Amino acid sequence: MLKPAHFEHVFSDATPAVSPQVTALARINNLNNPRLGITVPKKRVKKAVGRNRIKRIIRESFRQQQHRLPNIDIVIIAKTGIADLNNQELNLLLEKLWKKLIKRCAAD
């Protein structure tokens, strides 16, 4: 997702999946595929290298899981402490969040 209107659509009526370092918000879309939006604020991760690493890992994890996801728009919001996770820990955390979103969106 690239446009602010797409993000606002998700924020207006979202299904959350929360962890201490990441919040994932999802909403059903009318497309034939899931979409991803990522926000990693400077306030949470100071250096661009760190923000880019986190976004790269999130995108790769989404790419690997998108065939399992329903047709939803997902916004991933980084929280304090995400920069302290190594790549493996972040991947495990994202795996749990994808599973939560699959269950919660299927229930809706």
PDB file of N, CA and C in Angstrom:
ATOM      1  N   MET A   1       0.847  -1.168   0.000  1.00  0.00           N
ATOM      2  CA  MET A   1       0.000   0.000   0.000  1.00  0.00           C
ATOM      3  C   MET A   1       0.892   1.231   0.000  1.00  0.00           C
ATOM      4  N   LEU A   2       0.524   2.187  -0.811  1.00  0.00           N
ATOM      5  CA  LEU A   2       1.365   3.360  -0.944  1.00  0.00           C
ATOM      6  C   LEU A   2       0.668   4.661  -0.561  1.00  0.00           C
ATOM      7  N   LYS A   3      -0.627   4.746  -0.752  1.00  0.00           N
ATOM      8  CA  LYS A   3      -1.330   6.014  -0.553  1.00  0.00           C
ATOM      9  C   LYS A   3      -1.856   6.137   0.878  1.00  0.00           C
ATOM     10  N   PRO A   4      -1.847   7.363   1.400  1.00  0.00           N
ATOM     11  CA  PRO A   4      -2.390   7.564   2.747  1.00  0.00           C
ATOM     12  C   PRO A   4      -3.848   7.113   2.880  1.00  0.00           C
ATOM     13  N   ALA A   5      -4.620   7.213   1.810  1.00  0.00           N
ATOM     14  CA  ALA A   5      -6.022   6.785   1.861  1.00  0.00           C
ATOM     15  C   ALA A   5      -6.138   5.284   2.136  1.00  0.00           C
ATOM     16  N   HIS A   6      -5.195   4.495   1.616  1.00  0.00           N
ATOM     17  CA  HIS A   6      -5.202   3.057   1.874  1.00  0.00           C
ATOM     18  C   HIS A   6      -4.945   2.776   3.356  1.00  0.00           C
ATOM     19  N   PHE A   7      -4.007   3.519   3.944  1.00  0.00           N
ATOM     20  CA  PHE A   7      -3.708   3.359   5.364  1.00  0.00           C
ATOM     21  C   PHE A   7      -4.919   3.774   6.201  1.00  0.00           C
ATOM     22  N   GLU A   8      -5.549   4.896   5.851  1.00  0.00           N
ATOM     23  CA  GLU A   8      -6.720   5.392   6.587  1.00  0.00           C
ATOM     24  C   GLU A   8      -7.853   4.374   6.536  1.00  0.00           C
ATOM     25  N   HIS A   9      -8.010   3.715   5.408  1.00  0.00           N
ATOM     26  CA  HIS A   9      -9.042   2.688   5.263  1.00  0.00           C
ATOM     27  C   HIS A   9      -8.828   1.581   6.299  1.00  0.00           C
ATOM     28  N   VAL A  10      -7.596   1.163   6.499  1.00  0.00           N
ATOM     29  CA  VAL A  10      -7.289   0.121   7.483  1.00  0.00           C
ATOM     30  C   VAL A  10      -7.479   0.652   8.901  1.00  0.00           C
ATOM     31  N   PHE A  11      -7.003   1.862   9.173  1.00  0.00           N
ATOM     32  CA  PHE A  11      -7.088   2.423  10.520  1.00  0.00           C
ATOM     33  C   PHE A  11      -8.542   2.624  10.967  1.00  0.00           C
ATOM     34  N   SER A  12      -9.447   2.888  10.025  1.00  0.00           N
ATOM     35  CA  SER A  12     -10.822   3.221  10.385  1.00  0.00           C
ATOM     36  C   SER A  12     -11.581   2.041  11.003  1.00  0.00           C
ATOM     37  N   ASP A  13     -11.257   0.814  10.613  1.00  0.00           N
ATOM     38  CA  ASP A  13     -11.963  -0.355  11.161  1.00  0.00           C
ATOM     39  C   ASP A  13     -11.029  -1.562  11.101  1.00  0.00           C
ATOM     40  N   ALA A  14     -10.061  -1.591  11.997  1.00  0.00           N
ATOM     41  CA  ALA A  14      -8.992  -2.595  11.915  1.00  0.00           C
ATOM     42  C   ALA A  14      -9.211  -3.756  12.869  1.00  0.00           C
ATOM     43  N   THR A  15      -8.679  -4.902  12.456  1.00  0.00           N
ATOM     44  CA  THR A  15      -8.572  -6.080  13.312  1.00  0.00           C
ATOM     45  C   THR A  15      -7.116  -6.145  13.772  1.00  0.00           C
ATOM     46  N   PRO A  16      -6.856  -6.008  15.085  1.00  0.00           N
ATOM     47  CA  PRO A  16      -5.462  -5.934  15.543  1.00  0.00           C
ATOM     48  C   PRO A  16      -4.856  -7.294  15.895  1.00  0.00           C
ATOM     49  N   ALA A  17      -3.541  -7.341  15.773  1.00  0.00           N
ATOM     50  CA  ALA A  17      -2.712  -8.420  16.318  1.00  0.00           C
ATOM     51  C   ALA A  17      -1.513  -7.706  16.942  1.00  0.00           C
ATOM     52  N   VAL A  18      -1.363  -7.831  18.255  1.00  0.00           N
ATOM     53  CA  VAL A  18      -0.419  -6.984  18.985  1.00  0.00           C
ATOM     54  C   VAL A  18       0.651  -7.818  19.670  1.00  0.00           C
ATOM     55  N   SER A  19       1.866  -7.273  19.677  1.00  0.00           N
ATOM     56  CA  SER A  19       2.959  -7.811  20.470  1.00  0.00           C
ATOM     57  C   SER A  19       3.665  -6.611  21.104  1.00  0.00           C
ATOM     58  N   PRO A  20       4.604  -6.839  22.013  1.00  0.00           N
ATOM     59  CA  PRO A  20       5.282  -5.690  22.634  1.00  0.00           C
ATOM     60  C   PRO A  20       6.079  -4.825  21.651  1.00  0.00           C
ATOM     61  N   GLN A  21       6.582  -5.403  20.553  1.00  0.00           N
ATOM     62  CA  GLN A  21       7.423  -4.648  19.619  1.00  0.00           C
ATOM     63  C   GLN A  21       6.710  -4.246  18.328  1.00  0.00           C
ATOM     64  N   VAL A  22       5.593  -4.904  17.998  1.00  0.00           N
ATOM     65  CA  VAL A  22       4.925  -4.668  16.710  1.00  0.00           C
ATOM     66  C   VAL A  22       3.419  -4.715  16.893  1.00  0.00           C
ATOM     67  N   THR A  23       2.728  -3.811  16.195  1.00  0.00           N
ATOM     68  CA  THR A  23       1.282  -3.888  16.091  1.00  0.00           C
ATOM     69  C   THR A  23       0.936  -4.121  14.632  1.00  0.00           C
ATOM     70  N   ALA A  24       0.094  -5.106  14.375  1.00  0.00           N
ATOM     71  CA  ALA A  24      -0.371  -5.382  13.018  1.00  0.00           C
ATOM     72  C   ALA A  24      -1.867  -5.117  12.978  1.00  0.00           C
ATOM     73  N   LEU A  25      -2.290  -4.287  12.038  1.00  0.00           N
ATOM     74  CA  LEU A  25      -3.701  -3.978  11.854  1.00  0.00           C
ATOM     75  C   LEU A  25      -4.118  -4.499  10.492  1.00  0.00           C
ATOM     76  N   ALA A  26      -5.290  -5.106  10.426  1.00  0.00           N
ATOM     77  CA  ALA A  26      -5.741  -5.682   9.157  1.00  0.00           C
ATOM     78  C   ALA A  26      -7.201  -5.342   8.915  1.00  0.00           C
ATOM     79  N   ARG A  27      -7.547  -5.287   7.635  1.00  0.00           N
ATOM     80  CA  ARG A  27      -8.929  -5.073   7.226  1.00  0.00           C
ATOM     81  C   ARG A  27      -9.140  -5.750   5.879  1.00  0.00           C
ATOM     82  N   ILE A  28     -10.279  -6.384   5.724  1.00  0.00           N
ATOM     83  CA  ILE A  28     -10.610  -7.068   4.475  1.00  0.00           C
ATOM     84  C   ILE A  28     -10.605  -6.065   3.328  1.00  0.00           C
ATOM     85  N   ASN A  29     -10.029  -6.479   2.179  1.00  0.00           N
ATOM     86  CA  ASN A  29     -10.061  -5.621   0.987  1.00  0.00           C
ATOM     87  C   ASN A  29     -10.878  -6.304  -0.110  1.00  0.00           C
ATOM     88  N   ASN A  30     -11.172  -5.587  -1.171  1.00  0.00           N
ATOM     89  CA  ASN A  30     -11.973  -6.117  -2.273  1.00  0.00           C
ATOM     90  C   ASN A  30     -11.111  -6.621  -3.424  1.00  0.00           C
ATOM     91  N   LEU A  31      -9.839  -6.813  -3.172  1.00  0.00           N
ATOM     92  CA  LEU A  31      -8.918  -7.266  -4.205  1.00  0.00           C
ATOM     93  C   LEU A  31      -8.749  -8.780  -4.119  1.00  0.00           C
ATOM     94  N   ASN A  32      -7.961  -9.333  -4.995  1.00  0.00           N
ATOM     95  CA  ASN A  32      -7.713 -10.769  -4.988  1.00  0.00           C
ATOM     96  C   ASN A  32      -6.398 -11.145  -4.323  1.00  0.00           C
ATOM     97  N   ASN A  33      -5.811 -10.211  -3.592  1.00  0.00           N
ATOM     98  CA  ASN A  33      -4.532 -10.477  -2.947  1.00  0.00           C
ATOM     99  C   ASN A  33      -4.382  -9.615  -1.694  1.00  0.00           C
ATOM    100  N   PRO A  34      -3.569 -10.080  -0.744  1.00  0.00           N
ATOM    101  CA  PRO A  34      -3.284  -9.254   0.428  1.00  0.00           C
ATOM    102  C   PRO A  34      -2.284  -8.149   0.079  1.00  0.00           C
ATOM    103  N   ARG A  35      -2.372  -7.046   0.806  1.00  0.00           N
ATOM    104  CA  ARG A  35      -1.423  -5.935   0.604  1.00  0.00           C
ATOM    105  C   ARG A  35      -0.808  -5.564   1.947  1.00  0.00           C
ATOM    106  N   LEU A  36       0.379  -4.956   1.881  1.00  0.00           N
ATOM    107  CA  LEU A  36       1.138  -4.636   3.083  1.00  0.00           C
ATOM    108  C   LEU A  36       1.543  -3.172   3.098  1.00  0.00           C
ATOM    109  N   GLY A  37       1.420  -2.554   4.261  1.00  0.00           N
ATOM    110  CA  GLY A  37       1.950  -1.218   4.516  1.00  0.00           C
ATOM    111  C   GLY A  37       2.784  -1.275   5.780  1.00  0.00           C
ATOM    112  N   ILE A  38       3.900  -0.554   5.789  1.00  0.00           N
ATOM    113  CA  ILE A  38       4.827  -0.616   6.926  1.00  0.00           C
ATOM    114  C   ILE A  38       5.132   0.793   7.413  1.00  0.00           C
ATOM    115  N   THR A  39       5.094   0.976   8.729  1.00  0.00           N
ATOM    116  CA  THR A  39       5.544   2.232   9.320  1.00  0.00           C
ATOM    117  C   THR A  39       6.578   1.927  10.400  1.00  0.00           C
ATOM    118  N   VAL A  40       7.759   2.504  10.242  1.00  0.00           N
ATOM    119  CA  VAL A  40       8.827   2.376  11.233  1.00  0.00           C
ATOM    120  C   VAL A  40       9.277   3.804  11.554  1.00  0.00           C
ATOM    121  N   PRO A  41       8.719   4.412  12.614  1.00  0.00           N
ATOM    122  CA  PRO A  41       9.024   5.810  12.919  1.00  0.00           C
ATOM    123  C   PRO A  41      10.471   6.032  13.373  1.00  0.00           C
ATOM    124  N   LYS A  42      10.996   7.201  13.030  1.00  0.00           N
ATOM    125  CA  LYS A  42      12.336   7.588  13.487  1.00  0.00           C
ATOM    126  C   LYS A  42      12.407   7.634  15.002  1.00  0.00           C
ATOM    127  N   LYS A  43      11.290   7.950  15.620  1.00  0.00           N
ATOM    128  CA  LYS A  43      11.248   8.028  17.074  1.00  0.00           C
ATOM    129  C   LYS A  43      11.539   6.663  17.705  1.00  0.00           C
ATOM    130  N   ARG A  44      11.185   5.576  17.018  1.00  0.00           N
ATOM    131  CA  ARG A  44      11.379   4.225  17.544  1.00  0.00           C
ATOM    132  C   ARG A  44      12.715   3.617  17.131  1.00  0.00           C
ATOM    133  N   VAL A  45      13.152   3.875  15.888  1.00  0.00           N
ATOM    134  CA  VAL A  45      14.426   3.357  15.376  1.00  0.00           C
ATOM    135  C   VAL A  45      15.165   4.542  14.775  1.00  0.00           C
ATOM    136  N   LYS A  46      16.205   4.990  15.444  1.00  0.00           N
ATOM    137  CA  LYS A  46      16.868   6.246  15.095  1.00  0.00           C
ATOM    138  C   LYS A  46      17.564   6.234  13.731  1.00  0.00           C
ATOM    139  N   LYS A  47      18.316   5.189  13.443  1.00  0.00           N
ATOM    140  CA  LYS A  47      19.140   5.185  12.232  1.00  0.00           C
ATOM    141  C   LYS A  47      18.409   4.557  11.054  1.00  0.00           C
ATOM    142  N   ALA A  48      18.636   5.136   9.881  1.00  0.00           N
ATOM    143  CA  ALA A  48      17.997   4.659   8.655  1.00  0.00           C
ATOM    144  C   ALA A  48      18.378   3.206   8.363  1.00  0.00           C
ATOM    145  N   VAL A  49      19.587   2.819   8.696  1.00  0.00           N
ATOM    146  CA  VAL A  49      20.033   1.445   8.472  1.00  0.00           C
ATOM    147  C   VAL A  49      19.133   0.479   9.237  1.00  0.00           C
ATOM    148  N   GLY A  50      18.825   0.815  10.465  1.00  0.00           N
ATOM    149  CA  GLY A  50      17.960  -0.033  11.280  1.00  0.00           C
ATOM    150  C   GLY A  50      16.533  -0.073  10.759  1.00  0.00           C
ATOM    151  N   ARG A  51      15.996   1.082  10.371  1.00  0.00           N
ATOM    152  CA  ARG A  51      14.633   1.133   9.818  1.00  0.00           C
ATOM    153  C   ARG A  51      14.549   0.308   8.538  1.00  0.00           C
ATOM    154  N   ASN A  52      15.545   0.430   7.669  1.00  0.00           N
ATOM    155  CA  ASN A  52      15.549  -0.323   6.417  1.00  0.00           C
ATOM    156  C   ASN A  52      15.666  -1.830   6.658  1.00  0.00           C
ATOM    157  N   ARG A  53      16.473  -2.232   7.626  1.00  0.00           N
ATOM    158  CA  ARG A  53      16.605  -3.660   7.964  1.00  0.00           C
ATOM    159  C   ARG A  53      15.265  -4.221   8.406  1.00  0.00           C
ATOM    160  N   ILE A  54      14.591  -3.505   9.276  1.00  0.00           N
ATOM    161  CA  ILE A  54      13.303  -3.963   9.789  1.00  0.00           C
ATOM    162  C   ILE A  54      12.283  -4.064   8.658  1.00  0.00           C
ATOM    163  N   LYS A  55      12.219  -3.053   7.809  1.00  0.00           N
ATOM    164  CA  LYS A  55      11.265  -3.084   6.692  1.00  0.00           C
ATOM    165  C   LYS A  55      11.576  -4.223   5.725  1.00  0.00           C
ATOM    166  N   ARG A  56      12.843  -4.468   5.475  1.00  0.00           N
ATOM    167  CA  ARG A  56      13.253  -5.545   4.572  1.00  0.00           C
ATOM    168  C   ARG A  56      12.813  -6.903   5.125  1.00  0.00           C
ATOM    169  N   ILE A  57      13.001  -7.115   6.414  1.00  0.00           N
ATOM    170  CA  ILE A  57      12.611  -8.380   7.037  1.00  0.00           C
ATOM    171  C   ILE A  57      11.087  -8.544   7.010  1.00  0.00           C
ATOM    172  N   ILE A  58      10.360  -7.475   7.285  1.00  0.00           N
ATOM    173  CA  ILE A  58       8.896  -7.538   7.259  1.00  0.00           C
ATOM    174  C   ILE A  58       8.404  -7.867   5.855  1.00  0.00           C
ATOM    175  N   ARG A  59       8.953  -7.195   4.848  1.00  0.00           N
ATOM    176  CA  ARG A  59       8.532  -7.461   3.456  1.00  0.00           C
ATOM    177  C   ARG A  59       8.821  -8.900   3.049  1.00  0.00           C
ATOM    178  N   GLU A  60       9.982  -9.422   3.421  1.00  0.00           N
ATOM    179  CA  GLU A  60      10.342 -10.793   3.061  1.00  0.00           C
ATOM    180  C   GLU A  60       9.430 -11.794   3.770  1.00  0.00           C
ATOM    181  N   SER A  61       9.144 -11.554   5.035  1.00  0.00           N
ATOM    182  CA  SER A  61       8.249 -12.434   5.776  1.00  0.00           C
ATOM    183  C   SER A  61       6.853 -12.415   5.156  1.00  0.00           C
ATOM    184  N   PHE A  62       6.377 -11.241   4.775  1.00  0.00           N
ATOM    185  CA  PHE A  62       5.071 -11.119   4.114  1.00  0.00           C
ATOM    186  C   PHE A  62       5.076 -11.870   2.785  1.00  0.00           C
ATOM    187  N   ARG A  63       6.131 -11.731   2.020  1.00  0.00           N
ATOM    188  CA  ARG A  63       6.225 -12.401   0.721  1.00  0.00           C
ATOM    189  C   ARG A  63       6.111 -13.917   0.889  1.00  0.00           C
ATOM    190  N   GLN A  64       6.748 -14.449   1.933  1.00  0.00           N
ATOM    191  CA  GLN A  64       6.725 -15.887   2.164  1.00  0.00           C
ATOM    192  C   GLN A  64       5.362 -16.378   2.665  1.00  0.00           C
ATOM    193  N   GLN A  65       4.596 -15.506   3.314  1.00  0.00           N
ATOM    194  CA  GLN A  65       3.325 -15.911   3.919  1.00  0.00           C
ATOM    195  C   GLN A  65       2.096 -15.490   3.118  1.00  0.00           C
ATOM    196  N   GLN A  66       2.246 -14.680   2.083  1.00  0.00           N
ATOM    197  CA  GLN A  66       1.086 -14.080   1.436  1.00  0.00           C
ATOM    198  C   GLN A  66       0.133 -15.100   0.823  1.00  0.00           C
ATOM    199  N   HIS A  67       0.624 -16.266   0.434  1.00  0.00           N
ATOM    200  CA  HIS A  67      -0.263 -17.289  -0.122  1.00  0.00           C
ATOM    201  C   HIS A  67      -1.214 -17.857   0.928  1.00  0.00           C
ATOM    202  N   ARG A  68      -0.858 -17.750   2.209  1.00  0.00           N
ATOM    203  CA  ARG A  68      -1.699 -18.235   3.308  1.00  0.00           C
ATOM    204  C   ARG A  68      -2.682 -17.180   3.792  1.00  0.00           C
ATOM    205  N   LEU A  69      -2.390 -15.917   3.512  1.00  0.00           N
ATOM    206  CA  LEU A  69      -3.207 -14.815   4.032  1.00  0.00           C
ATOM    207  C   LEU A  69      -4.466 -14.631   3.204  1.00  0.00           C
ATOM    208  N   PRO A  70      -5.580 -14.266   3.865  1.00  0.00           N
ATOM    209  CA  PRO A  70      -6.787 -13.930   3.105  1.00  0.00           C
ATOM    210  C   PRO A  70      -6.600 -12.588   2.397  1.00  0.00           C
ATOM    211  N   ASN A  71      -7.608 -12.138   1.665  1.00  0.00           N
ATOM    212  CA  ASN A  71      -7.528 -10.851   0.954  1.00  0.00           C
ATOM    213  C   ASN A  71      -7.734  -9.711   1.953  1.00  0.00           C
ATOM    214  N   ILE A  72      -6.622  -9.274   2.538  1.00  0.00           N
ATOM    215  CA  ILE A  72      -6.668  -8.226   3.547  1.00  0.00           C
ATOM    216  C   ILE A  72      -5.582  -7.192   3.277  1.00  0.00           C
ATOM    217  N   ASP A  73      -5.836  -5.989   3.775  1.00  0.00           N
ATOM    218  CA  ASP A  73      -4.813  -4.951   3.815  1.00  0.00           C
ATOM    219  C   ASP A  73      -4.214  -4.981   5.212  1.00  0.00           C
ATOM    220  N   ILE A  74      -2.896  -4.992   5.298  1.00  0.00           N
ATOM    221  CA  ILE A  74      -2.205  -5.084   6.585  1.00  0.00           C
ATOM    222  C   ILE A  74      -1.294  -3.879   6.751  1.00  0.00           C
ATOM    223  N   VAL A  75      -1.361  -3.258   7.918  1.00  0.00           N
ATOM    224  CA  VAL A  75      -0.429  -2.190   8.277  1.00  0.00           C
ATOM    225  C   VAL A  75       0.366  -2.673   9.484  1.00  0.00           C
ATOM    226  N   ILE A  76       1.690  -2.699   9.336  1.00  0.00           N
ATOM    227  CA  ILE A  76       2.597  -3.081  10.416  1.00  0.00           C
ATOM    228  C   ILE A  76       3.177  -1.798  11.009  1.00  0.00           C
ATOM    229  N   ILE A  77       3.031  -1.641  12.322  1.00  0.00           N
ATOM    230  CA  ILE A  77       3.533  -0.459  13.015  1.00  0.00           C
ATOM    231  C   ILE A  77       4.592  -0.903  14.019  1.00  0.00           C
ATOM    232  N   ALA A  78       5.808  -0.390  13.844  1.00  0.00           N
ATOM    233  CA  ALA A  78       6.910  -0.731  14.752  1.00  0.00           C
ATOM    234  C   ALA A  78       6.758   0.057  16.051  1.00  0.00           C
ATOM    235  N   LYS A  79       7.062  -0.622  17.167  1.00  0.00           N
ATOM    236  CA  LYS A  79       6.997   0.017  18.473  1.00  0.00           C
ATOM    237  C   LYS A  79       8.380  -0.015  19.122  1.00  0.00           C
ATOM    238  N   THR A  80       8.479   0.619  20.254  1.00  0.00           N
ATOM    239  CA  THR A  80       9.745   0.665  20.978  1.00  0.00           C
ATOM    240  C   THR A  80      10.226  -0.747  21.283  1.00  0.00           C
ATOM    241  N   GLY A  81      11.511  -0.994  21.057  1.00  0.00           N
ATOM    242  CA  GLY A  81      12.107  -2.292  21.342  1.00  0.00           C
ATOM    243  C   GLY A  81      12.306  -3.149  20.108  1.00  0.00           C
ATOM    244  N   ILE A  82      11.740  -2.750  18.975  1.00  0.00           N
ATOM    245  CA  ILE A  82      11.889  -3.562  17.766  1.00  0.00           C
ATOM    246  C   ILE A  82      13.336  -3.577  17.286  1.00  0.00           C
ATOM    247  N   ALA A  83      14.058  -2.486  17.518  1.00  0.00           N
ATOM    248  CA  ALA A  83      15.455  -2.411  17.075  1.00  0.00           C
ATOM    249  C   ALA A  83      16.344  -3.372  17.859  1.00  0.00           C
ATOM    250  N   ASP A  84      15.897  -3.795  19.037  1.00  0.00           N
ATOM    251  CA  ASP A  84      16.689  -4.707  19.865  1.00  0.00           C
ATOM    252  C   ASP A  84      16.572  -6.164  19.417  1.00  0.00           C
ATOM    253  N   LEU A  85      15.602  -6.466  18.559  1.00  0.00           N
ATOM    254  CA  LEU A  85      15.422  -7.837  18.081  1.00  0.00           C
ATOM    255  C   LEU A  85      16.408  -8.136  16.963  1.00  0.00           C
ATOM    256  N   ASN A  86      16.966  -9.344  16.966  1.00  0.00           N
ATOM    257  CA  ASN A  86      17.790  -9.733  15.827  1.00  0.00           C
ATOM    258  C   ASN A  86      16.871 -10.267  14.729  1.00  0.00           C
ATOM    259  N   ASN A  87      17.430 -10.594  13.584  1.00  0.00           N
ATOM    260  CA  ASN A  87      16.619 -10.998  12.432  1.00  0.00           C
ATOM    261  C   ASN A  87      15.769 -12.230  12.728  1.00  0.00           C
ATOM    262  N   GLN A  88      16.335 -13.213  13.380  1.00  0.00           N
ATOM    263  CA  GLN A  88      15.609 -14.443  13.671  1.00  0.00           C
ATOM    264  C   GLN A  88      14.449 -14.193  14.626  1.00  0.00           C
ATOM    265  N   GLU A  89      14.683 -13.397  15.667  1.00  0.00           N
ATOM    266  CA  GLU A  89      13.620 -13.082  16.623  1.00  0.00           C
ATOM    267  C   GLU A  89      12.487 -12.316  15.953  1.00  0.00           C
ATOM    268  N   LEU A  90      12.835 -11.385  15.071  1.00  0.00           N
ATOM    269  CA  LEU A  90      11.821 -10.615  14.353  1.00  0.00           C
ATOM    270  C   LEU A  90      11.009 -11.518  13.431  1.00  0.00           C
ATOM    271  N   ASN A  91      11.671 -12.452  12.750  1.00  0.00           N
ATOM    272  CA  ASN A  91      10.955 -13.396  11.889  1.00  0.00           C
ATOM    273  C   ASN A  91       9.978 -14.263  12.688  1.00  0.00           C
ATOM    274  N   LEU A  92      10.388 -14.737  13.849  1.00  0.00           N
ATOM    275  CA  LEU A  92       9.506 -15.547  14.683  1.00  0.00           C
ATOM    276  C   LEU A  92       8.308 -14.736  15.170  1.00  0.00           C
ATOM    277  N   LEU A  93       8.553 -13.502  15.550  1.00  0.00           N
ATOM    278  CA  LEU A  93       7.482 -12.620  15.996  1.00  0.00           C
ATOM    279  C   LEU A  93       6.473 -12.371  14.871  1.00  0.00           C
ATOM    280  N   LEU A  94       6.978 -12.109  13.678  1.00  0.00           N
ATOM    281  CA  LEU A  94       6.095 -11.868  12.530  1.00  0.00           C
ATOM    282  C   LEU A  94       5.288 -13.114  12.184  1.00  0.00           C
ATOM    283  N   GLU A  95       5.905 -14.285  12.284  1.00  0.00           N
ATOM    284  CA  GLU A  95       5.194 -15.539  12.017  1.00  0.00           C
ATOM    285  C   GLU A  95       3.981 -15.674  12.941  1.00  0.00           C
ATOM    286  N   LYS A  96       4.167 -15.347  14.226  1.00  0.00           N
ATOM    287  CA  LYS A  96       3.055 -15.397  15.176  1.00  0.00           C
ATOM    288  C   LYS A  96       1.968 -14.393  14.809  1.00  0.00           C
ATOM    289  N   LEU A  97       2.378 -13.200  14.393  1.00  0.00           N
ATOM    290  CA  LEU A  97       1.395 -12.167  14.026  1.00  0.00           C
ATOM    291  C   LEU A  97       0.605 -12.567  12.786  1.00  0.00           C
ATOM    292  N   TRP A  98       1.262 -13.169  11.792  1.00  0.00           N
ATOM    293  CA  TRP A  98       0.541 -13.608  10.588  1.00  0.00           C
ATOM    294  C   TRP A  98      -0.512 -14.635  10.986  1.00  0.00           C
ATOM    295  N   LYS A  99      -0.148 -15.585  11.861  1.00  0.00           N
ATOM    296  CA  LYS A  99      -1.097 -16.619  12.288  1.00  0.00           C
ATOM    297  C   LYS A  99      -2.286 -16.001  13.021  1.00  0.00           C
ATOM    298  N   LYS A 100      -2.016 -15.018  13.893  1.00  0.00           N
ATOM    299  CA  LYS A 100      -3.095 -14.334  14.590  1.00  0.00           C
ATOM    300  C   LYS A 100      -4.033 -13.650  13.606  1.00  0.00           C
ATOM    301  N   LEU A 101      -3.461 -12.961  12.619  1.00  0.00           N
ATOM    302  CA  LEU A 101      -4.287 -12.251  11.647  1.00  0.00           C
ATOM    303  C   LEU A 101      -5.122 -13.228  10.815  1.00  0.00           C
ATOM    304  N   ILE A 102      -4.549 -14.349  10.443  1.00  0.00           N
ATOM    305  CA  ILE A 102      -5.294 -15.349   9.659  1.00  0.00           C
ATOM    306  C   ILE A 102      -6.511 -15.821  10.463  1.00  0.00           C
ATOM    307  N   LYS A 103      -6.308 -16.142  11.751  1.00  0.00           N
ATOM    308  CA  LYS A 103      -7.410 -16.606  12.588  1.00  0.00           C
ATOM    309  C   LYS A 103      -8.463 -15.519  12.783  1.00  0.00           C
ATOM    310  N   ARG A 104      -8.033 -14.313  13.107  1.00  0.00           N
ATOM    311  CA  ARG A 104      -8.980 -13.248  13.409  1.00  0.00           C
ATOM    312  C   ARG A 104      -9.750 -12.777  12.181  1.00  0.00           C
ATOM    313  N   CYS A 105      -9.093 -12.726  11.034  1.00  0.00           N
ATOM    314  CA  CYS A 105      -9.783 -12.291   9.816  1.00  0.00           C
ATOM    315  C   CYS A 105     -10.701 -13.376   9.279  1.00  0.00           C
ATOM    316  N   ALA A 106     -10.378 -14.639   9.523  1.00  0.00           N
ATOM    317  CA  ALA A 106     -11.250 -15.734   9.113  1.00  0.00           C
ATOM    318  C   ALA A 106     -12.529 -15.729   9.951  1.00  0.00           C
ATOM    319  N   ALA A 107     -12.408 -15.331  11.221  1.00  0.00           N
ATOM    320  CA  ALA A 107     -13.565 -15.262  12.101  1.00  0.00           C
ATOM    321  C   ALA A 107     -14.516 -14.140  11.693  1.00  0.00           C
ATOM    322  N   ASP A 108     -13.974 -13.079  11.100  1.00  0.00           N
ATOM    323  CA  ASP A 108     -14.818 -11.957  10.651  1.00  0.00           C
ATOM    324  C   ASP A 108     -15.491 -12.372   9.402  1.00  0.00           C
TER     325      ASP A 108
END
